[in-house]
N, C-alpha and C. Protein backbone atom coordinates (compact mmCIF):
# COMPACT_ATOMS: atom_id res chain seq x y z
N UNK A 1 160.56 127.88 206.98
CA UNK A 1 159.87 126.84 206.25
C UNK A 1 160.54 126.69 204.87
N UNK A 2 161.09 125.51 204.62
CA UNK A 2 161.80 125.24 203.38
C UNK A 2 160.95 124.34 202.49
N UNK A 3 160.82 124.75 201.23
CA UNK A 3 160.14 123.94 200.22
C UNK A 3 161.12 123.72 199.07
N UNK A 4 161.08 122.54 198.49
CA UNK A 4 161.98 122.20 197.39
C UNK A 4 161.15 121.90 196.16
N UNK A 5 161.45 122.59 195.06
CA UNK A 5 160.79 122.38 193.78
C UNK A 5 161.76 121.64 192.87
N UNK A 6 161.30 120.50 192.31
CA UNK A 6 162.16 119.64 191.50
C UNK A 6 161.59 119.53 190.08
N UNK A 7 162.40 119.93 189.09
CA UNK A 7 162.01 119.82 187.69
C UNK A 7 162.99 118.84 187.03
N UNK A 8 162.51 117.62 186.78
CA UNK A 8 163.38 116.59 186.21
C UNK A 8 163.09 116.31 184.74
N UNK A 9 162.16 117.06 184.14
CA UNK A 9 161.79 116.79 182.75
C UNK A 9 162.63 117.55 181.75
N UNK A 10 163.67 118.22 182.25
CA UNK A 10 164.58 118.94 181.36
C UNK A 10 166.01 118.61 181.74
N UNK A 11 166.91 118.94 180.85
CA UNK A 11 168.31 118.80 181.17
C UNK A 11 168.96 120.17 181.00
N UNK A 12 169.53 120.77 181.99
CA UNK A 12 169.84 120.19 183.29
C UNK A 12 168.60 120.08 184.18
N UNK A 13 168.68 119.19 185.18
CA UNK A 13 167.65 119.12 186.21
C UNK A 13 167.68 120.44 186.96
N UNK A 14 166.52 120.96 187.29
CA UNK A 14 166.44 122.22 188.04
C UNK A 14 165.83 121.96 189.40
N UNK A 15 166.48 122.46 190.43
CA UNK A 15 165.98 122.30 191.79
C UNK A 15 166.01 123.67 192.45
N UNK A 16 164.88 124.07 192.98
CA UNK A 16 164.79 125.35 193.67
C UNK A 16 164.55 125.12 195.15
N UNK A 17 165.31 125.82 195.97
CA UNK A 17 165.12 125.79 197.42
C UNK A 17 164.41 127.10 197.77
N UNK A 18 163.24 126.99 198.39
CA UNK A 18 162.42 128.16 198.70
C UNK A 18 162.26 128.31 200.20
N UNK A 19 162.46 129.52 200.68
CA UNK A 19 162.22 129.84 202.08
C UNK A 19 161.12 130.88 202.11
N UNK A 20 160.04 130.58 202.82
CA UNK A 20 158.87 131.46 202.88
C UNK A 20 158.38 131.80 201.47
N UNK A 21 158.38 130.79 200.59
CA UNK A 21 157.86 130.88 199.22
C UNK A 21 158.76 131.67 198.26
N UNK A 22 159.91 132.16 198.72
CA UNK A 22 160.84 132.93 197.87
C UNK A 22 162.07 132.09 197.57
N UNK A 23 162.57 132.21 196.33
CA UNK A 23 163.73 131.43 195.91
C UNK A 23 164.96 131.81 196.72
N UNK A 24 165.51 130.83 197.41
CA UNK A 24 166.69 131.02 198.23
C UNK A 24 167.94 130.54 197.49
N UNK A 25 167.80 129.42 196.77
CA UNK A 25 168.95 128.80 196.11
C UNK A 25 168.47 128.03 194.89
N UNK A 26 169.22 128.13 193.80
CA UNK A 26 168.92 127.38 192.58
C UNK A 26 170.06 126.39 192.31
N UNK A 27 169.68 125.16 192.00
CA UNK A 27 170.65 124.12 191.70
C UNK A 27 170.36 123.57 190.31
N UNK A 28 171.38 123.46 189.48
CA UNK A 28 171.27 122.83 188.17
C UNK A 28 172.19 121.63 188.13
N UNK A 29 171.65 120.49 187.72
CA UNK A 29 172.44 119.26 187.68
C UNK A 29 172.37 118.62 186.31
N UNK A 30 173.52 118.34 185.74
CA UNK A 30 173.60 117.60 184.48
C UNK A 30 173.66 116.12 184.82
N UNK A 31 172.93 115.30 184.06
CA UNK A 31 173.01 113.87 184.28
C UNK A 31 171.64 113.24 184.44
N UNK A 32 171.66 111.98 184.80
CA UNK A 32 170.44 111.20 184.93
C UNK A 32 169.75 111.46 186.27
N UNK A 33 168.43 111.54 186.22
CA UNK A 33 167.63 111.73 187.42
C UNK A 33 167.97 110.67 188.47
N UNK A 34 168.08 109.42 188.04
CA UNK A 34 168.34 108.31 188.96
C UNK A 34 169.69 108.44 189.66
N UNK A 35 170.65 109.06 189.02
CA UNK A 35 171.97 109.25 189.60
C UNK A 35 172.03 110.49 190.49
N UNK A 36 171.35 111.54 190.09
CA UNK A 36 171.52 112.85 190.73
C UNK A 36 170.61 113.10 191.94
N UNK A 37 169.35 112.66 191.86
CA UNK A 37 168.42 112.98 192.95
C UNK A 37 168.83 112.41 194.31
N UNK A 38 169.23 111.14 194.41
CA UNK A 38 169.60 110.62 195.74
C UNK A 38 170.76 111.39 196.38
N UNK A 39 171.79 111.69 195.61
CA UNK A 39 172.93 112.42 196.15
C UNK A 39 172.55 113.84 196.55
N UNK A 40 171.74 114.48 195.72
CA UNK A 40 171.30 115.84 196.01
C UNK A 40 170.51 115.87 197.32
N UNK A 41 169.54 114.98 197.46
CA UNK A 41 168.69 115.02 198.65
C UNK A 41 169.43 114.56 199.91
N UNK A 42 170.44 113.74 199.75
CA UNK A 42 171.26 113.39 200.90
C UNK A 42 171.87 114.67 201.49
N UNK A 43 172.36 115.53 200.62
CA UNK A 43 172.96 116.80 201.05
C UNK A 43 171.91 117.81 201.52
N UNK A 44 170.80 117.91 200.80
CA UNK A 44 169.77 118.88 201.17
C UNK A 44 169.18 118.57 202.55
N UNK A 45 168.97 117.29 202.84
CA UNK A 45 168.40 116.92 204.13
C UNK A 45 169.35 117.21 205.29
N UNK A 46 170.64 117.23 205.02
CA UNK A 46 171.62 117.61 206.05
C UNK A 46 171.63 119.12 206.27
N UNK A 47 171.38 119.87 205.19
CA UNK A 47 171.49 121.33 205.25
C UNK A 47 170.20 122.03 205.66
N UNK A 48 169.05 121.46 205.27
CA UNK A 48 167.77 122.14 205.49
C UNK A 48 166.76 121.23 206.19
N UNK A 49 165.83 121.87 206.88
CA UNK A 49 164.67 121.16 207.42
C UNK A 49 163.54 121.36 206.39
N UNK A 50 163.35 120.37 205.55
CA UNK A 50 162.41 120.47 204.43
C UNK A 50 161.00 120.15 204.89
N UNK A 51 160.07 121.08 204.60
CA UNK A 51 158.66 120.89 204.95
C UNK A 51 157.88 120.29 203.79
N UNK A 52 158.22 120.71 202.54
CA UNK A 52 157.46 120.29 201.37
C UNK A 52 158.39 120.03 200.19
N UNK A 53 158.07 119.00 199.42
CA UNK A 53 158.75 118.74 198.15
C UNK A 53 157.69 118.77 197.06
N UNK A 54 157.97 119.55 196.02
CA UNK A 54 157.06 119.67 194.88
C UNK A 54 157.81 119.17 193.65
N UNK A 55 157.15 118.36 192.81
CA UNK A 55 157.82 117.92 191.59
C UNK A 55 156.89 118.07 190.40
N UNK A 56 157.50 118.11 189.22
CA UNK A 56 156.74 118.20 187.97
C UNK A 56 156.34 116.78 187.59
N UNK A 57 155.02 116.54 187.52
CA UNK A 57 154.53 115.18 187.24
C UNK A 57 153.99 115.00 185.83
N UNK A 58 154.09 116.03 185.00
CA UNK A 58 153.62 115.93 183.62
C UNK A 58 154.00 117.18 182.85
N UNK A 59 154.06 117.18 181.55
CA UNK A 59 154.42 116.06 180.70
C UNK A 59 155.92 116.01 180.55
N UNK A 60 156.44 115.00 179.91
CA UNK A 60 157.87 114.90 179.69
C UNK A 60 158.34 113.48 179.64
N UNK A 61 159.60 113.28 179.92
CA UNK A 61 160.21 111.97 179.88
C UNK A 61 159.54 111.03 180.88
N UNK A 62 158.96 109.94 180.36
CA UNK A 62 158.30 108.96 181.23
C UNK A 62 159.25 108.47 182.31
N UNK A 63 160.45 108.10 181.89
CA UNK A 63 161.41 107.51 182.82
C UNK A 63 161.78 108.50 183.91
N UNK A 64 162.05 109.73 183.54
CA UNK A 64 162.43 110.74 184.52
C UNK A 64 161.30 111.01 185.50
N UNK A 65 160.09 111.14 185.00
CA UNK A 65 158.93 111.38 185.86
C UNK A 65 158.73 110.20 186.81
N UNK A 66 158.82 108.99 186.27
CA UNK A 66 158.62 107.79 187.08
C UNK A 66 159.68 107.67 188.18
N UNK A 67 160.93 107.88 187.83
CA UNK A 67 162.02 107.80 188.81
C UNK A 67 161.85 108.88 189.88
N UNK A 68 161.56 110.10 189.44
CA UNK A 68 161.37 111.19 190.40
C UNK A 68 160.22 110.87 191.34
N UNK A 69 159.12 110.37 190.80
CA UNK A 69 157.96 110.05 191.63
C UNK A 69 158.31 108.98 192.67
N UNK A 70 158.89 107.88 192.24
CA UNK A 70 159.19 106.78 193.17
C UNK A 70 160.17 107.24 194.25
N UNK A 71 161.23 107.92 193.84
CA UNK A 71 162.22 108.38 194.81
C UNK A 71 161.61 109.39 195.79
N UNK A 72 160.96 110.44 195.24
CA UNK A 72 160.44 111.50 196.09
C UNK A 72 159.27 111.04 196.95
N UNK A 73 158.42 110.18 196.42
CA UNK A 73 157.30 109.65 197.21
C UNK A 73 157.83 108.83 198.39
N UNK A 74 158.82 108.01 198.13
CA UNK A 74 159.43 107.21 199.21
C UNK A 74 160.07 108.12 200.25
N UNK A 75 160.85 109.08 199.80
CA UNK A 75 161.53 110.00 200.71
C UNK A 75 160.53 110.77 201.58
N UNK A 76 159.48 111.29 200.96
CA UNK A 76 158.50 112.09 201.71
C UNK A 76 157.73 111.23 202.71
N UNK A 77 157.48 109.98 202.37
CA UNK A 77 156.80 109.08 203.30
C UNK A 77 157.69 108.78 204.51
N UNK A 78 158.94 108.47 204.25
CA UNK A 78 159.88 108.12 205.32
C UNK A 78 160.15 109.31 206.24
N UNK A 79 160.31 110.49 205.66
CA UNK A 79 160.70 111.68 206.42
C UNK A 79 159.51 112.54 206.86
N UNK A 80 158.29 112.09 206.54
CA UNK A 80 157.07 112.84 206.89
C UNK A 80 157.12 114.27 206.34
N UNK A 81 157.39 114.36 205.04
CA UNK A 81 157.45 115.63 204.32
C UNK A 81 156.24 115.70 203.39
N UNK A 82 155.62 116.85 203.31
CA UNK A 82 154.49 117.03 202.40
C UNK A 82 154.98 116.87 200.95
N UNK A 83 154.17 116.22 200.12
CA UNK A 83 154.53 115.95 198.73
C UNK A 83 153.45 116.50 197.82
N UNK A 84 153.83 117.36 196.86
CA UNK A 84 152.89 118.00 195.94
C UNK A 84 153.40 117.89 194.51
N UNK A 85 152.51 118.16 193.55
CA UNK A 85 152.88 118.08 192.14
C UNK A 85 152.34 119.29 191.38
N UNK A 86 152.91 119.49 190.19
CA UNK A 86 152.49 120.58 189.30
C UNK A 86 152.93 120.21 187.89
N UNK A 87 152.28 120.79 186.89
CA UNK A 87 152.66 120.47 185.51
C UNK A 87 153.83 121.32 185.03
N UNK A 88 154.56 120.79 184.06
CA UNK A 88 155.77 121.43 183.56
C UNK A 88 155.53 122.71 182.78
N UNK A 89 154.36 122.87 182.19
CA UNK A 89 154.09 124.08 181.40
C UNK A 89 154.17 125.35 182.25
N UNK A 90 154.02 125.20 183.55
CA UNK A 90 154.11 126.32 184.48
C UNK A 90 155.49 126.97 184.46
N UNK A 91 156.51 126.21 184.08
CA UNK A 91 157.88 126.67 184.22
C UNK A 91 158.59 126.95 182.90
N UNK A 92 157.87 126.88 181.77
CA UNK A 92 158.51 127.19 180.48
C UNK A 92 157.61 128.08 179.62
N UNK A 93 156.83 128.92 180.26
CA UNK A 93 155.95 129.87 179.57
C UNK A 93 154.96 129.18 178.65
N UNK A 94 154.49 127.99 179.06
CA UNK A 94 153.51 127.20 178.31
C UNK A 94 154.01 126.80 176.93
N UNK A 95 155.30 126.67 176.80
CA UNK A 95 155.94 126.27 175.54
C UNK A 95 155.82 124.75 175.35
N UNK A 96 155.84 124.26 174.10
CA UNK A 96 155.83 122.81 173.89
C UNK A 96 156.98 122.12 174.62
N UNK A 97 156.72 120.89 175.05
CA UNK A 97 157.71 120.09 175.78
C UNK A 97 157.99 118.83 174.99
N UNK A 98 159.26 118.49 174.83
CA UNK A 98 159.68 117.33 174.04
C UNK A 98 158.94 116.07 174.50
N UNK A 99 158.41 115.33 173.51
CA UNK A 99 157.69 114.08 173.80
C UNK A 99 158.50 112.91 173.29
N UNK A 100 158.15 112.43 172.10
CA UNK A 100 158.77 111.24 171.54
C UNK A 100 159.16 111.52 170.10
N UNK A 101 160.37 111.16 169.71
CA UNK A 101 160.83 111.42 168.35
C UNK A 101 160.83 112.91 168.06
N UNK A 102 160.11 113.29 167.00
CA UNK A 102 160.03 114.71 166.63
C UNK A 102 158.74 115.36 167.13
N UNK A 103 158.03 114.68 168.01
CA UNK A 103 156.76 115.20 168.52
C UNK A 103 156.95 115.86 169.89
N UNK A 104 156.01 116.75 170.19
CA UNK A 104 156.04 117.53 171.42
C UNK A 104 154.68 117.50 172.10
N UNK A 105 154.70 117.67 173.42
CA UNK A 105 153.47 117.90 174.17
C UNK A 105 153.12 119.36 173.99
N UNK A 106 151.88 119.62 173.62
CA UNK A 106 151.42 121.00 173.40
C UNK A 106 150.17 121.22 174.24
N UNK A 107 150.19 122.29 175.02
CA UNK A 107 149.06 122.62 175.87
C UNK A 107 148.18 123.63 175.15
N UNK A 108 146.98 123.20 174.79
CA UNK A 108 146.02 124.09 174.13
C UNK A 108 144.81 124.24 175.02
N UNK A 109 144.75 125.35 175.72
CA UNK A 109 143.62 125.67 176.60
C UNK A 109 143.38 124.57 177.63
N UNK A 110 144.45 124.07 178.23
CA UNK A 110 144.34 123.06 179.27
C UNK A 110 144.25 121.63 178.79
N UNK A 111 144.21 121.44 177.47
CA UNK A 111 144.18 120.09 176.89
C UNK A 111 145.56 119.82 176.29
N UNK A 112 146.17 118.73 176.76
CA UNK A 112 147.51 118.40 176.29
C UNK A 112 147.41 117.42 175.13
N UNK A 113 148.00 117.81 174.00
CA UNK A 113 148.03 116.93 172.85
C UNK A 113 149.48 116.67 172.46
N UNK A 114 149.69 115.62 171.68
CA UNK A 114 151.03 115.28 171.20
C UNK A 114 151.03 115.47 169.70
N UNK A 115 151.95 116.34 169.21
CA UNK A 115 151.96 116.65 167.79
C UNK A 115 153.34 117.20 167.40
N UNK A 116 153.50 117.40 166.11
CA UNK A 116 154.71 118.06 165.61
C UNK A 116 154.63 119.54 165.98
N UNK A 117 155.77 120.19 166.04
CA UNK A 117 155.79 121.61 166.39
C UNK A 117 155.07 122.45 165.34
N UNK A 118 154.24 123.38 165.78
CA UNK A 118 153.63 124.32 164.83
C UNK A 118 154.72 125.21 164.21
N UNK A 119 154.45 125.73 163.03
CA UNK A 119 155.40 126.64 162.37
C UNK A 119 155.70 127.84 163.25
N UNK A 120 156.94 128.28 163.20
CA UNK A 120 157.41 129.46 163.93
C UNK A 120 157.26 129.34 165.45
N UNK A 121 157.14 128.15 165.95
CA UNK A 121 156.99 127.94 167.39
C UNK A 121 158.37 127.98 168.04
N UNK A 122 158.48 128.73 169.13
CA UNK A 122 159.74 128.83 169.84
C UNK A 122 159.65 128.04 171.14
N UNK A 123 160.66 127.21 171.37
CA UNK A 123 160.73 126.42 172.59
C UNK A 123 161.42 127.25 173.67
N UNK A 124 160.79 127.37 174.83
CA UNK A 124 161.36 128.13 175.95
C UNK A 124 162.05 127.18 176.92
N UNK A 125 163.13 127.64 177.51
CA UNK A 125 163.81 126.87 178.54
C UNK A 125 162.98 126.88 179.82
N UNK A 126 163.19 125.87 180.65
CA UNK A 126 162.54 125.83 181.95
C UNK A 126 163.27 126.79 182.89
N UNK A 127 162.48 127.46 183.73
CA UNK A 127 163.04 128.40 184.70
C UNK A 127 162.35 128.24 186.04
N UNK A 128 163.12 128.39 187.08
CA UNK A 128 162.54 128.38 188.42
C UNK A 128 161.96 129.77 188.71
N UNK A 129 160.75 129.84 189.23
CA UNK A 129 160.18 131.15 189.56
C UNK A 129 160.84 131.73 190.81
N UNK A 130 160.84 133.04 190.92
CA UNK A 130 161.38 133.71 192.10
C UNK A 130 160.51 133.48 193.33
N UNK A 131 159.21 133.23 193.08
CA UNK A 131 158.27 132.98 194.17
C UNK A 131 157.33 131.84 193.76
N UNK A 132 156.96 131.01 194.71
CA UNK A 132 155.99 129.94 194.43
C UNK A 132 154.67 130.20 195.16
N UNK A 133 154.52 131.42 195.64
CA UNK A 133 153.36 131.79 196.44
C UNK A 133 152.03 131.61 195.69
N UNK A 134 151.99 131.96 194.41
CA UNK A 134 150.72 131.96 193.68
C UNK A 134 150.54 130.74 192.78
N UNK A 135 151.42 129.75 192.91
CA UNK A 135 151.31 128.56 192.07
C UNK A 135 150.27 127.60 192.64
N UNK A 136 149.62 126.88 191.73
CA UNK A 136 148.55 125.98 192.11
C UNK A 136 149.07 124.54 192.13
N UNK A 137 149.51 124.08 193.28
CA UNK A 137 150.04 122.73 193.43
C UNK A 137 148.90 121.75 193.68
N UNK A 138 149.15 120.50 193.33
CA UNK A 138 148.15 119.45 193.50
C UNK A 138 148.63 118.43 194.52
N UNK A 139 147.71 117.92 195.32
CA UNK A 139 148.02 116.83 196.24
C UNK A 139 147.99 115.49 195.52
N UNK A 140 147.45 115.47 194.30
CA UNK A 140 147.46 114.26 193.48
C UNK A 140 148.82 114.20 192.78
N UNK A 141 149.71 113.40 193.31
CA UNK A 141 151.09 113.40 192.85
C UNK A 141 151.42 112.29 191.85
N UNK A 142 150.47 111.44 191.52
CA UNK A 142 150.76 110.38 190.56
C UNK A 142 151.23 110.96 189.23
N UNK A 143 152.18 110.32 188.58
CA UNK A 143 152.61 110.79 187.26
C UNK A 143 151.46 110.76 186.26
N UNK A 144 151.45 111.74 185.37
CA UNK A 144 150.48 111.82 184.28
C UNK A 144 151.28 111.73 183.00
N UNK A 145 151.12 110.63 182.27
CA UNK A 145 152.01 110.38 181.13
C UNK A 145 151.54 111.00 179.81
N UNK A 146 150.27 111.28 179.63
CA UNK A 146 149.75 112.00 178.47
C UNK A 146 149.95 111.33 177.11
N UNK A 147 150.32 110.10 177.05
CA UNK A 147 150.44 109.41 175.77
C UNK A 147 149.58 108.14 175.82
N UNK A 148 148.91 107.83 174.72
CA UNK A 148 148.15 106.59 174.69
C UNK A 148 149.09 105.38 174.65
N UNK A 149 148.59 104.25 175.11
CA UNK A 149 149.38 103.02 175.06
C UNK A 149 149.60 102.61 173.62
N UNK A 150 150.76 102.04 173.35
CA UNK A 150 151.11 101.62 171.98
C UNK A 150 150.65 100.21 171.75
């Protein structure tokens, strides 16, 4: 059973290939989500029988989240692959995530706010977990943008 975890809200893009919930292969891609995802999945679908695709649907780059959602939702519908979502804080030790300008998304007890970085705050890189067994994925895959309309 192969599951693919896709993190497009950081650069490089991180893609984890999981077999029986354990990390089998890690892929890092530099570049635009719109350029990299189609080529990557063309190859992955030839190499693996994918049962589930999981993507980060919040918070982060609106464009990257939107592109990932449209591409992955279409792919999973066509190929009859399960599609799940999870938030990005799961993969960077709950560290602030770049928002707009000098502001960041900050998770405070499950409430996401947009603000300047607190003093002495350290930004953690995104990392793929060795196991996805205990992660809480959502069947609600719509992007969550976390910013009010301007």
